[in-house]
Amino acid sequence: MTEPSRVRLRRWRLEDAADVAVRLTIDSVAPALGVRSVVLDIEEGNSPSMRLAERLGAERRDPTRLHPGRVGELHTMVVYVLQLAP
């Protein structure tokens, strides 16, 4: 009798799910709208989002931007740009 094939499942990390969600959104929406690049404004210090931008292939740009929050407080935003295939 042959042994059944083994299947190994691993649970997704939150970062894995974010990668898939963002990539699916970009790949499905951008071509339909004719989008050639995506600008990602990420709050300074948000390391998980910065890593996601880098995994997607976005390039960090300078300078940073100041963005007003809900009650007028300023947040420093790091800018990433993801160039899309034409």
C-alpha atoms as a PDB file:
ATOM      1  CA  MET A   1       0.000   0.000   0.000  1.00  0.00           C
ATOM      2  CA  THR A   2       1.351   3.400  -0.903  1.00  0.00           C
ATOM      3  CA  GLU A   3       1.581   6.184   1.609  1.00  0.00           C
ATOM      4  CA  PRO A   4      -0.653   9.157   0.818  1.00  0.00           C
ATOM      5  CA  SER A   5       1.048  12.337  -0.283  1.00  0.00           C
ATOM      6  CA  ARG A   6       1.820  14.731   2.498  1.00  0.00           C
ATOM      7  CA  VAL A   7       0.513  18.239   2.407  1.00  0.00           C
ATOM      8  CA  ARG A   8       2.000  20.957   4.508  1.00  0.00           C
ATOM      9  CA  LEU A   9      -0.086  24.006   5.163  1.00  0.00           C
ATOM     10  CA  ARG A  10       1.239  27.027   6.892  1.00  0.00           C
ATOM     11  CA  ARG A  11      -0.867  29.806   8.194  1.00  0.00           C
ATOM     12  CA  TRP A  12      -0.539  33.080   6.434  1.00  0.00           C
ATOM     13  CA  ARG A  13       1.136  35.879   8.203  1.00  0.00           C
ATOM     14  CA  LEU A  14      -0.611  39.214   8.094  1.00  0.00           C
ATOM     15  CA  GLU A  15       2.166  40.464   5.807  1.00  0.00           C
ATOM     16  CA  ASP A  16       1.483  37.635   3.325  1.00  0.00           C
ATOM     17  CA  ALA A  17      -2.199  38.556   3.170  1.00  0.00           C
ATOM     18  CA  ALA A  18      -1.383  42.250   2.705  1.00  0.00           C
ATOM     19  CA  ASP A  19       1.023  41.463  -0.150  1.00  0.00           C
ATOM     20  CA  VAL A  20      -1.624  39.419  -1.951  1.00  0.00           C
ATOM     21  CA  ALA A  21      -4.408  41.957  -1.381  1.00  0.00           C
ATOM     22  CA  VAL A  22      -2.373  44.914  -2.611  1.00  0.00           C
ATOM     23  CA  ARG A  23      -0.947  43.047  -5.602  1.00  0.00           C
ATOM     24  CA  LEU A  24      -4.416  41.804  -6.663  1.00  0.00           C
ATOM     25  CA  THR A  25      -5.837  45.308  -6.381  1.00  0.00           C
ATOM     26  CA  ILE A  26      -3.033  46.848  -8.405  1.00  0.00           C
ATOM     27  CA  ASP A  27      -3.038  44.100 -11.033  1.00  0.00           C
ATOM     28  CA  SER A  28      -6.813  44.187 -11.525  1.00  0.00           C
ATOM     29  CA  VAL A  29      -7.658  47.887 -11.204  1.00  0.00           C
ATOM     30  CA  ALA A  30      -4.628  49.731 -12.568  1.00  0.00           C
ATOM     31  CA  PRO A  31      -4.755  48.363 -16.146  1.00  0.00           C
ATOM     32  CA  ALA A  32      -8.466  49.110 -16.463  1.00  0.00           C
ATOM     33  CA  LEU A  33      -7.877  52.724 -15.435  1.00  0.00           C
ATOM     34  CA  GLY A  34      -4.667  53.201 -17.409  1.00  0.00           C
ATOM     35  CA  VAL A  35      -2.634  53.788 -14.245  1.00  0.00           C
ATOM     36  CA  ARG A  36       1.118  53.815 -14.892  1.00  0.00           C
ATOM     37  CA  SER A  37       2.374  54.332 -11.345  1.00  0.00           C
ATOM     38  CA  VAL A  38       1.141  54.116  -7.768  1.00  0.00           C
ATOM     39  CA  VAL A  39       2.274  56.551  -5.091  1.00  0.00           C
ATOM     40  CA  LEU A  40       2.320  55.136  -1.576  1.00  0.00           C
ATOM     41  CA  ASP A  41       2.373  57.695   1.245  1.00  0.00           C
ATOM     42  CA  ILE A  42       3.326  55.751   4.360  1.00  0.00           C
ATOM     43  CA  GLU A  43       3.541  57.240   7.822  1.00  0.00           C
ATOM     44  CA  GLU A  44       7.140  57.447   8.990  1.00  0.00           C
ATOM     45  CA  GLY A  45       7.869  54.614  11.399  1.00  0.00           C
ATOM     46  CA  ASN A  46       5.296  52.240   9.879  1.00  0.00           C
ATOM     47  CA  SER A  47       7.892  49.563   9.159  1.00  0.00           C
ATOM     48  CA  PRO A  48       5.458  46.816   8.039  1.00  0.00           C
ATOM     49  CA  SER A  49       3.988  49.073   5.358  1.00  0.00           C
ATOM     50  CA  MET A  50       7.444  50.221   4.239  1.00  0.00           C
ATOM     51  CA  ARG A  51       8.554  46.599   3.910  1.00  0.00           C
ATOM     52  CA  LEU A  52       5.400  45.831   1.908  1.00  0.00           C
ATOM     53  CA  ALA A  53       6.133  48.727  -0.465  1.00  0.00           C
ATOM     54  CA  GLU A  54       9.680  47.448  -0.951  1.00  0.00           C
ATOM     55  CA  ARG A  55       8.522  43.857  -1.541  1.00  0.00           C
ATOM     56  CA  LEU A  56       6.144  45.169  -4.215  1.00  0.00           C
ATOM     57  CA  GLY A  57       9.111  46.808  -5.917  1.00  0.00           C
ATOM     58  CA  ALA A  58       8.300  50.424  -5.045  1.00  0.00           C
ATOM     59  CA  GLU A  59      11.190  52.866  -4.770  1.00  0.00           C
ATOM     60  CA  ARG A  60      11.541  55.255  -1.874  1.00  0.00           C
ATOM     61  CA  ARG A  61      11.611  58.913  -2.864  1.00  0.00           C
ATOM     62  CA  ASP A  62      12.792  62.034  -1.103  1.00  0.00           C
ATOM     63  CA  PRO A  63      11.751  64.319   0.421  1.00  0.00           C
ATOM     64  CA  THR A  64       9.159  63.174   2.936  1.00  0.00           C
ATOM     65  CA  ARG A  65       5.787  64.967   3.058  1.00  0.00           C
ATOM     66  CA  LEU A  66       3.801  66.444   5.891  1.00  0.00           C
ATOM     67  CA  HIS A  67       0.174  65.315   5.880  1.00  0.00           C
ATOM     68  CA  PRO A  68      -2.519  66.713   8.185  1.00  0.00           C
ATOM     69  CA  GLY A  69      -4.302  64.210  10.395  1.00  0.00           C
ATOM     70  CA  ARG A  70      -7.984  64.229  11.385  1.00  0.00           C
ATOM     71  CA  VAL A  71      -7.646  67.039  13.889  1.00  0.00           C
ATOM     72  CA  GLY A  72      -4.935  69.013  12.119  1.00  0.00           C
ATOM     73  CA  GLU A  73      -1.862  67.328  13.608  1.00  0.00           C
ATOM     74  CA  LEU A  74       0.915  66.820  11.083  1.00  0.00           C
ATOM     75  CA  HIS A  75       2.251  63.376  10.187  1.00  0.00           C
ATOM     76  CA  THR A  76       5.509  62.793   8.329  1.00  0.00           C
ATOM     77  CA  MET A  77       4.872  60.578   5.330  1.00  0.00           C
ATOM     78  CA  VAL A  78       7.535  58.568   3.516  1.00  0.00           C
ATOM     79  CA  VAL A  79       6.882  58.441  -0.225  1.00  0.00           C
ATOM     80  CA  TYR A  80       7.260  55.289  -2.341  1.00  0.00           C
ATOM     81  CA  VAL A  81       6.508  55.065  -6.058  1.00  0.00           C
ATOM     82  CA  LEU A  82       5.655  51.798  -7.796  1.00  0.00           C
ATOM     83  CA  GLN A  83       6.092  51.956 -11.581  1.00  0.00           C
ATOM     84  CA  LEU A  84       3.676  49.671 -13.422  1.00  0.00           C
ATOM     85  CA  ALA A  85       4.228  47.962 -16.743  1.00  0.00           C
ATOM     86  CA  PRO A  86       2.585  49.802 -19.657  1.00  0.00           C
END
